[in-house]
Structures are given as structure tokens and as C-alpha cells.
N, C-alpha and C. Protein backbone atom coordinates (compact mmCIF):
# COMPACT_ATOMS: atom_id res chain seq x y z
N UNK A 1 132.23 31.13 16.09
CA UNK A 1 132.36 32.00 14.93
C UNK A 1 133.83 32.21 14.60
N UNK A 2 134.66 32.47 15.63
CA UNK A 2 136.08 32.74 15.38
C UNK A 2 136.76 31.52 14.77
N UNK A 3 136.42 30.34 15.25
CA UNK A 3 137.01 29.13 14.68
C UNK A 3 136.61 28.96 13.21
N UNK A 4 135.36 29.26 12.92
CA UNK A 4 134.88 29.15 11.55
C UNK A 4 135.62 30.13 10.63
N UNK A 5 135.76 31.38 11.08
CA UNK A 5 136.49 32.39 10.31
C UNK A 5 137.94 31.95 10.11
N UNK A 6 138.54 31.43 11.17
CA UNK A 6 139.93 30.97 11.10
C UNK A 6 140.09 29.90 10.03
N UNK A 7 139.17 28.96 10.00
CA UNK A 7 139.25 27.88 9.01
C UNK A 7 138.96 28.37 7.60
N UNK A 8 137.94 29.21 7.45
CA UNK A 8 137.57 29.70 6.12
C UNK A 8 138.64 30.58 5.49
N UNK A 9 139.28 31.40 6.31
CA UNK A 9 140.27 32.35 5.80
C UNK A 9 141.70 31.86 5.95
N UNK A 10 141.87 30.69 6.57
CA UNK A 10 143.21 30.12 6.79
C UNK A 10 144.11 31.09 7.56
N UNK A 11 143.56 31.58 8.68
CA UNK A 11 144.29 32.51 9.53
C UNK A 11 144.25 31.99 10.97
N UNK A 12 145.07 32.57 11.83
CA UNK A 12 145.09 32.15 13.23
C UNK A 12 143.79 32.57 13.92
N UNK A 13 143.55 31.97 15.08
CA UNK A 13 142.36 32.31 15.85
C UNK A 13 142.40 33.78 16.28
N UNK A 14 143.58 34.27 16.66
CA UNK A 14 143.72 35.68 17.05
C UNK A 14 143.38 36.60 15.88
N UNK A 15 143.86 36.26 14.70
CA UNK A 15 143.55 37.07 13.52
C UNK A 15 142.06 37.00 13.19
N UNK A 16 141.45 35.84 13.42
CA UNK A 16 140.01 35.69 13.18
C UNK A 16 139.21 36.58 14.13
N UNK A 17 139.63 36.64 15.38
CA UNK A 17 138.95 37.52 16.34
C UNK A 17 139.09 38.98 15.92
N UNK A 18 140.26 39.35 15.45
CA UNK A 18 140.47 40.71 14.97
C UNK A 18 139.56 40.99 13.78
N UNK A 19 139.45 40.05 12.86
CA UNK A 19 138.56 40.18 11.70
C UNK A 19 137.13 40.46 12.17
N UNK A 20 136.69 39.73 13.19
CA UNK A 20 135.33 39.90 13.70
C UNK A 20 135.16 41.28 14.34
N UNK A 21 136.12 41.68 15.18
CA UNK A 21 136.00 42.93 15.92
C UNK A 21 136.06 44.17 15.03
N UNK A 22 136.80 44.11 13.93
CA UNK A 22 136.92 45.30 13.08
C UNK A 22 135.85 45.36 11.99
N UNK A 23 135.07 44.31 11.89
CA UNK A 23 134.05 44.27 10.85
C UNK A 23 132.92 45.23 11.18
N UNK A 24 132.41 45.97 10.18
CA UNK A 24 131.31 46.90 10.43
C UNK A 24 130.06 46.21 11.01
N UNK A 25 129.93 44.94 10.77
CA UNK A 25 128.77 44.18 11.24
C UNK A 25 128.83 43.89 12.74
N UNK A 26 130.01 43.96 13.34
CA UNK A 26 130.19 43.57 14.73
C UNK A 26 129.26 44.33 15.68
N UNK A 27 129.15 45.63 15.52
CA UNK A 27 128.29 46.43 16.40
C UNK A 27 126.83 46.00 16.32
N UNK A 28 126.40 45.47 15.19
CA UNK A 28 125.02 45.01 15.04
C UNK A 28 124.70 43.83 15.93
N UNK A 29 125.72 43.11 16.35
CA UNK A 29 125.49 41.94 17.20
C UNK A 29 124.92 42.32 18.56
N UNK A 30 125.09 43.58 18.96
CA UNK A 30 124.57 44.03 20.24
C UNK A 30 123.09 44.39 20.19
N UNK A 31 122.53 44.45 19.00
CA UNK A 31 121.12 44.78 18.83
C UNK A 31 120.30 43.52 19.10
N UNK A 32 119.76 43.42 20.31
CA UNK A 32 119.01 42.23 20.70
C UNK A 32 117.78 42.00 19.82
N UNK A 33 117.22 43.08 19.33
CA UNK A 33 116.04 42.95 18.48
C UNK A 33 116.31 42.31 17.14
N UNK A 34 117.53 42.45 16.65
CA UNK A 34 117.88 41.91 15.33
C UNK A 34 118.11 40.40 15.37
N UNK A 35 118.49 39.88 16.53
CA UNK A 35 118.69 38.44 16.74
C UNK A 35 119.70 37.82 15.77
N UNK A 36 120.80 38.54 15.52
CA UNK A 36 121.83 38.03 14.61
C UNK A 36 122.40 36.71 15.09
N UNK A 37 122.45 36.51 16.41
CA UNK A 37 123.06 35.29 16.93
C UNK A 37 122.23 34.04 16.64
N UNK A 38 121.00 34.23 16.17
CA UNK A 38 120.18 33.08 15.82
C UNK A 38 120.53 32.52 14.44
N UNK A 39 121.32 33.26 13.69
CA UNK A 39 121.77 32.76 12.39
C UNK A 39 122.78 31.64 12.58
N UNK A 40 122.89 30.80 11.61
CA UNK A 40 123.94 29.77 11.66
C UNK A 40 125.29 30.47 11.53
N UNK A 41 126.33 29.79 11.93
CA UNK A 41 127.67 30.36 11.83
C UNK A 41 127.99 30.74 10.39
N UNK A 42 127.64 29.87 9.47
CA UNK A 42 127.92 30.15 8.06
C UNK A 42 127.15 31.37 7.56
N UNK A 43 125.88 31.48 7.93
CA UNK A 43 125.07 32.63 7.51
C UNK A 43 125.61 33.93 8.12
N UNK A 44 126.01 33.87 9.38
CA UNK A 44 126.57 35.05 10.05
C UNK A 44 127.89 35.45 9.39
N UNK A 45 128.70 34.47 9.04
CA UNK A 45 129.95 34.74 8.33
C UNK A 45 129.68 35.45 7.00
N UNK A 46 128.68 34.98 6.27
CA UNK A 46 128.33 35.59 4.99
C UNK A 46 127.87 37.04 5.19
N UNK A 47 127.13 37.31 6.26
CA UNK A 47 126.73 38.69 6.57
C UNK A 47 127.96 39.55 6.87
N UNK A 48 128.92 38.99 7.61
CA UNK A 48 130.16 39.71 7.91
C UNK A 48 130.93 40.01 6.63
N UNK A 49 131.00 39.05 5.75
CA UNK A 49 131.70 39.24 4.47
C UNK A 49 131.02 40.32 3.63
N UNK A 50 129.70 40.31 3.59
CA UNK A 50 128.97 41.32 2.82
C UNK A 50 129.22 42.71 3.39
N UNK A 51 129.21 42.82 4.73
CA UNK A 51 129.45 44.12 5.37
C UNK A 51 130.87 44.59 5.10
N UNK A 52 131.82 43.68 5.14
CA UNK A 52 133.22 44.03 4.90
C UNK A 52 133.40 44.54 3.47
N UNK A 53 132.79 43.87 2.53
CA UNK A 53 132.93 44.26 1.13
C UNK A 53 132.24 45.58 0.83
N UNK A 54 131.17 45.88 1.57
CA UNK A 54 130.44 47.13 1.37
C UNK A 54 131.14 48.31 2.04
N UNK A 55 132.04 48.03 2.97
CA UNK A 55 132.71 49.08 3.75
C UNK A 55 134.05 49.45 3.12
N UNK A 56 134.03 49.74 1.84
CA UNK A 56 135.26 50.06 1.12
C UNK A 56 135.29 51.56 0.87
N UNK A 57 136.41 52.16 1.19
CA UNK A 57 136.60 53.59 0.96
C UNK A 57 137.71 53.75 -0.07
N UNK A 58 137.44 54.43 -1.14
CA UNK A 58 138.42 54.63 -2.20
C UNK A 58 139.25 55.87 -1.86
N UNK A 59 140.57 55.69 -1.83
CA UNK A 59 141.48 56.81 -1.54
C UNK A 59 142.60 56.82 -2.58
N UNK A 60 143.23 57.97 -2.67
CA UNK A 60 144.36 58.12 -3.59
C UNK A 60 145.52 57.24 -3.12
N UNK A 61 146.38 56.79 -4.04
CA UNK A 61 147.50 55.91 -3.66
C UNK A 61 148.42 56.50 -2.58
N UNK A 62 148.69 57.81 -2.66
CA UNK A 62 149.59 58.40 -1.66
C UNK A 62 148.94 58.43 -0.27
N UNK A 63 147.62 58.56 -0.22
CA UNK A 63 146.90 58.53 1.05
C UNK A 63 146.92 57.11 1.62
N UNK A 64 146.72 56.15 0.75
CA UNK A 64 146.79 54.75 1.15
C UNK A 64 148.18 54.39 1.67
N UNK A 65 149.21 54.85 0.98
CA UNK A 65 150.59 54.60 1.42
C UNK A 65 150.85 55.21 2.80
N UNK A 66 150.35 56.43 3.01
CA UNK A 66 150.50 57.10 4.30
C UNK A 66 149.79 56.31 5.40
N UNK A 67 148.60 55.86 5.12
CA UNK A 67 147.82 55.10 6.09
C UNK A 67 148.55 53.81 6.48
N UNK A 68 149.02 53.09 5.50
CA UNK A 68 149.73 51.83 5.76
C UNK A 68 151.01 52.08 6.53
N UNK A 69 151.75 53.08 6.14
CA UNK A 69 152.99 53.45 6.83
C UNK A 69 152.70 53.78 8.30
N UNK A 70 151.68 54.62 8.52
CA UNK A 70 151.33 55.03 9.87
C UNK A 70 150.85 53.84 10.70
N UNK A 71 150.04 53.00 10.11
CA UNK A 71 149.55 51.80 10.80
C UNK A 71 150.72 50.92 11.25
N UNK A 72 151.65 50.68 10.36
CA UNK A 72 152.80 49.82 10.69
C UNK A 72 153.71 50.48 11.74
N UNK A 73 153.94 51.78 11.61
CA UNK A 73 154.77 52.48 12.60
C UNK A 73 154.10 52.49 13.97
N UNK A 74 152.79 52.66 13.99
CA UNK A 74 152.06 52.64 15.26
C UNK A 74 152.13 51.26 15.88
N UNK A 75 151.93 50.24 15.08
CA UNK A 75 152.00 48.87 15.58
C UNK A 75 153.38 48.58 16.17
N UNK A 76 154.41 48.98 15.46
CA UNK A 76 155.79 48.77 15.92
C UNK A 76 156.05 49.54 17.23
N UNK A 77 155.60 50.78 17.30
CA UNK A 77 155.82 51.60 18.48
C UNK A 77 155.10 51.06 19.71
N UNK A 78 153.96 50.40 19.50
CA UNK A 78 153.15 49.91 20.62
C UNK A 78 153.30 48.41 20.86
N UNK A 79 154.14 47.75 20.08
CA UNK A 79 154.35 46.32 20.25
C UNK A 79 153.14 45.49 19.85
N UNK A 80 152.42 45.94 18.84
CA UNK A 80 151.22 45.26 18.36
C UNK A 80 151.47 44.64 17.00
N UNK A 81 150.67 43.67 16.64
CA UNK A 81 150.70 43.18 15.27
C UNK A 81 149.97 44.20 14.40
N UNK A 82 150.14 44.10 13.12
CA UNK A 82 149.43 45.00 12.21
C UNK A 82 147.93 44.88 12.36
N UNK A 83 147.43 43.64 12.52
CA UNK A 83 145.99 43.42 12.68
C UNK A 83 145.47 44.00 13.99
N UNK A 84 146.27 43.88 15.05
CA UNK A 84 145.86 44.45 16.33
C UNK A 84 145.78 45.97 16.24
N UNK A 85 146.76 46.57 15.59
CA UNK A 85 146.76 48.02 15.42
C UNK A 85 145.57 48.45 14.56
N UNK A 86 145.28 47.69 13.52
CA UNK A 86 144.13 47.99 12.66
C UNK A 86 142.83 47.91 13.45
N UNK A 87 142.68 46.88 14.27
CA UNK A 87 141.47 46.73 15.08
C UNK A 87 141.30 47.91 16.03
N UNK A 88 142.39 48.33 16.64
CA UNK A 88 142.36 49.47 17.55
C UNK A 88 141.96 50.74 16.81
N UNK A 89 142.54 50.94 15.64
CA UNK A 89 142.24 52.14 14.86
C UNK A 89 140.79 52.14 14.38
N UNK A 90 140.28 50.99 14.00
CA UNK A 90 138.89 50.90 13.56
C UNK A 90 137.94 51.17 14.72
N UNK A 91 138.25 50.58 15.88
CA UNK A 91 137.37 50.71 17.03
C UNK A 91 137.20 52.17 17.45
N UNK A 92 138.26 52.93 17.38
CA UNK A 92 138.22 54.32 17.83
C UNK A 92 138.20 55.32 16.68
N UNK A 93 137.88 54.87 15.48
CA UNK A 93 137.75 55.72 14.29
C UNK A 93 139.02 56.48 13.93
N UNK A 94 140.16 55.94 14.31
CA UNK A 94 141.44 56.58 13.97
C UNK A 94 141.68 56.47 12.47
N UNK A 95 141.22 55.39 11.87
CA UNK A 95 141.43 55.23 10.43
C UNK A 95 140.78 56.37 9.65
N UNK A 96 139.56 56.73 10.02
CA UNK A 96 138.91 57.86 9.35
C UNK A 96 139.66 59.17 9.61
N UNK A 97 140.12 59.35 10.85
CA UNK A 97 140.89 60.54 11.20
C UNK A 97 142.14 60.67 10.32
N UNK A 98 142.86 59.57 10.15
CA UNK A 98 144.08 59.60 9.33
C UNK A 98 143.77 59.91 7.88
N UNK A 99 142.72 59.30 7.36
CA UNK A 99 142.37 59.52 5.96
C UNK A 99 141.80 60.93 5.74
N UNK A 100 140.96 61.38 6.66
CA UNK A 100 140.33 62.70 6.51
C UNK A 100 141.32 63.84 6.69
N UNK A 101 142.38 63.62 7.47
CA UNK A 101 143.33 64.69 7.76
C UNK A 101 144.71 64.42 7.14
N UNK A 102 144.72 63.66 6.08
CA UNK A 102 145.98 63.34 5.40
C UNK A 102 146.77 64.59 5.03
N UNK A 103 146.08 65.59 4.48
CA UNK A 103 146.78 66.80 4.01
C UNK A 103 147.63 67.43 5.09
N UNK A 104 147.15 67.44 6.32
CA UNK A 104 147.92 68.01 7.43
C UNK A 104 148.90 66.99 8.01
N UNK A 105 148.42 65.77 8.26
CA UNK A 105 149.23 64.79 8.99
C UNK A 105 150.46 64.30 8.23
N UNK A 106 150.36 64.20 6.91
CA UNK A 106 151.51 63.66 6.17
C UNK A 106 152.71 64.61 6.18
N UNK A 107 152.48 65.85 6.59
CA UNK A 107 153.59 66.81 6.65
C UNK A 107 154.27 66.80 8.02
N UNK A 108 153.72 66.04 8.95
CA UNK A 108 154.26 65.98 10.32
C UNK A 108 155.18 64.76 10.47
N UNK A 109 155.95 64.76 11.52
CA UNK A 109 156.82 63.63 11.80
C UNK A 109 156.04 62.44 12.32
N UNK A 110 156.63 61.27 12.20
CA UNK A 110 155.98 60.04 12.64
C UNK A 110 155.64 60.09 14.13
N UNK A 111 156.56 60.59 14.94
CA UNK A 111 156.33 60.67 16.38
C UNK A 111 155.11 61.53 16.71
N UNK A 112 154.96 62.63 16.00
CA UNK A 112 153.82 63.52 16.21
C UNK A 112 152.52 62.79 15.89
N UNK A 113 152.49 62.09 14.75
CA UNK A 113 151.28 61.39 14.33
C UNK A 113 150.93 60.29 15.33
N UNK A 114 151.92 59.56 15.80
CA UNK A 114 151.67 58.50 16.80
C UNK A 114 151.12 59.12 18.08
N UNK A 115 151.67 60.24 18.50
CA UNK A 115 151.16 60.93 19.70
C UNK A 115 149.71 61.37 19.50
N UNK A 116 149.38 61.87 18.32
CA UNK A 116 148.01 62.28 18.02
C UNK A 116 147.05 61.08 18.07
N UNK A 117 147.51 59.95 17.56
CA UNK A 117 146.69 58.74 17.59
C UNK A 117 146.44 58.33 19.04
N UNK A 118 147.49 58.34 19.86
CA UNK A 118 147.34 57.99 21.28
C UNK A 118 146.36 58.92 21.98
N UNK A 119 146.49 60.20 21.72
CA UNK A 119 145.60 61.19 22.32
C UNK A 119 144.16 60.95 21.90
N UNK A 120 143.95 60.70 20.63
CA UNK A 120 142.62 60.45 20.12
C UNK A 120 142.00 59.20 20.75
N UNK A 121 142.78 58.14 20.85
CA UNK A 121 142.29 56.90 21.45
C UNK A 121 141.92 57.11 22.92
N UNK A 122 142.78 57.81 23.66
CA UNK A 122 142.48 58.08 25.07
C UNK A 122 141.17 58.86 25.22
N UNK A 123 141.00 59.88 24.40
CA UNK A 123 139.78 60.69 24.47
C UNK A 123 138.54 59.87 24.12
N UNK A 124 138.65 59.07 23.10
CA UNK A 124 137.49 58.26 22.68
C UNK A 124 137.18 57.18 23.70
N UNK A 125 138.20 56.61 24.33
CA UNK A 125 137.96 55.63 25.40
C UNK A 125 137.19 56.27 26.54
N UNK A 126 137.61 57.47 26.95
CA UNK A 126 136.92 58.18 28.04
C UNK A 126 135.47 58.48 27.65
N UNK A 127 135.27 58.94 26.43
CA UNK A 127 133.92 59.26 25.98
C UNK A 127 133.05 58.01 25.94
N UNK A 128 133.60 56.91 25.42
CA UNK A 128 132.84 55.67 25.34
C UNK A 128 132.49 55.16 26.74
N UNK A 129 133.44 55.29 27.66
CA UNK A 129 133.19 54.85 29.04
C UNK A 129 132.09 55.69 29.67
N UNK A 130 132.16 57.00 29.47
CA UNK A 130 131.14 57.90 30.03
C UNK A 130 129.77 57.60 29.42
N UNK A 131 129.73 57.34 28.13
CA UNK A 131 128.46 57.04 27.47
C UNK A 131 127.88 55.72 27.96
N UNK A 132 128.74 54.76 28.27
CA UNK A 132 128.25 53.47 28.74
C UNK A 132 127.69 53.56 30.15
N UNK A 133 128.08 54.59 30.91
CA UNK A 133 127.59 54.76 32.28
C UNK A 133 126.28 55.54 32.33
N UNK A 134 125.94 56.19 31.22
CA UNK A 134 124.71 57.00 31.19
C UNK A 134 123.51 56.09 30.98
N UNK A 135 122.39 56.38 31.68
CA UNK A 135 121.18 55.57 31.46
C UNK A 135 120.63 55.84 30.07
N UNK A 136 120.01 54.83 29.45
CA UNK A 136 119.43 55.04 28.11
C UNK A 136 118.35 56.13 28.15
N UNK A 137 118.34 56.95 27.12
CA UNK A 137 117.36 58.02 27.00
C UNK A 137 116.17 57.52 26.18
N UNK A 138 114.96 57.96 26.52
CA UNK A 138 113.79 57.56 25.71
C UNK A 138 113.94 58.07 24.28
N UNK A 139 113.53 57.28 23.36
CA UNK A 139 113.61 57.65 21.95
C UNK A 139 112.59 58.73 21.62
N UNK A 140 113.00 59.73 20.87
CA UNK A 140 112.08 60.79 20.44
C UNK A 140 111.11 60.27 19.39
N UNK A 141 111.57 59.24 18.66
CA UNK A 141 110.76 58.70 17.58
C UNK A 141 109.87 57.56 18.03
N UNK A 142 109.79 57.35 19.31
CA UNK A 142 109.01 56.25 19.85
C UNK A 142 107.53 56.44 19.54
N UNK A 143 106.89 55.41 19.03
CA UNK A 143 105.47 55.48 18.72
C UNK A 143 104.64 55.31 19.98
N UNK A 144 105.18 54.53 20.92
CA UNK A 144 104.48 54.31 22.18
C UNK A 144 105.34 54.82 23.31
N UNK A 145 104.72 55.41 24.31
CA UNK A 145 105.49 55.81 25.47
C UNK A 145 105.88 54.55 26.22
N UNK A 146 107.05 54.57 26.77
CA UNK A 146 107.54 53.41 27.49
C UNK A 146 108.20 52.37 26.60
N UNK A 147 108.25 52.61 25.31
CA UNK A 147 108.90 51.67 24.42
C UNK A 147 110.39 51.64 24.74
N UNK A 148 110.96 50.45 24.83
CA UNK A 148 112.35 50.31 25.21
C UNK A 148 113.28 50.91 24.16
N UNK A 149 114.26 51.66 24.62
CA UNK A 149 115.28 52.27 23.76
C UNK A 149 116.31 51.21 23.42
N UNK A 150 116.60 51.04 22.17
CA UNK A 150 117.68 50.14 21.79
C UNK A 150 118.99 50.78 22.17
N UNK A 151 119.95 49.95 22.55
CA UNK A 151 121.24 50.47 22.98
C UNK A 151 122.00 51.13 21.85
N UNK A 152 121.86 50.62 20.65
CA UNK A 152 122.66 51.14 19.55
C UNK A 152 121.73 51.55 18.41
N UNK A 153 121.17 52.73 18.50
CA UNK A 153 120.38 53.25 17.39
C UNK A 153 121.30 53.63 16.27
N UNK A 154 120.95 53.33 15.06
CA UNK A 154 121.82 53.58 13.92
C UNK A 154 121.62 54.89 13.31
């Protein structure tokens, strides 16, 4: 899949992997019941493109400028490429945090905002790790007792 994305978008393999990981469709690949991996590479790519195009959030220009500035400063501070920083922010919902709290964050210094991002990522990593160690809980909406709980209910 990554090679296909790389060729279609004329980007490096690393950038193609980042494209895959930050795509809203990526989490769906873990749903064994959906069988997304049975699609051809081209069909899966088209699903990824559709999900990417549907995941658009309209923001004011000054909010967009703040987000881009913060993303680039974070990438520079952590020695990451812009795409790597974007993937990290998407994975831990930092992008939503920055956009939702623009009114407060844009009045703070860059160092403060970077520290807040680091703190948020650390907390979310711990929470995700703890959640991954917990046994699956039976679904309340299960029609049959003993029905297997999907790992990622939407």
C-alpha cells in the first residue's frame, strides 16, 4: 500500500507511510469484521482518499496560520519533518486541541505551547497504553450473549 501511495502521489515512501497513518481510514483497518485488507490496493487507496477528503475542518485563516506555525515550530523543536509532526499530532488528537483552544493558546509563547503539546502527548500515550492492557468489555448492545466485542467500536 505504501509503495502504491508513494507512486500515485509522487512522494517518498516515508511520506506515504505518514499519509497512511494520519488518514482517518487507518483505524478502520483494525476492524477484522470489515475485511478492508481484502480490497485491492487501488480500491483501498480510493477509500483512503475518500476518507481524507471527507475529514476537512473549516477554520478561520488566523487559526490556520497559528496551527501551521505551531506545527512547524514543534517539528523543528523535536527534530521531526513537518509530516512526522503532523502524524504525531493527528494520532494523539493534538490538532483538535490546537484548533479548539486557539483563543487561549495563540496568546501564549511558543515554548509554552510546545510544552503543552508534549504534556498532552505523554498523557494520551499513557492512556492508550492502559486501554490496550485492559481486557475487552462485553458490548451492552450485543444481541447475543457471548458475542465477540470488536476492538474498535465506533
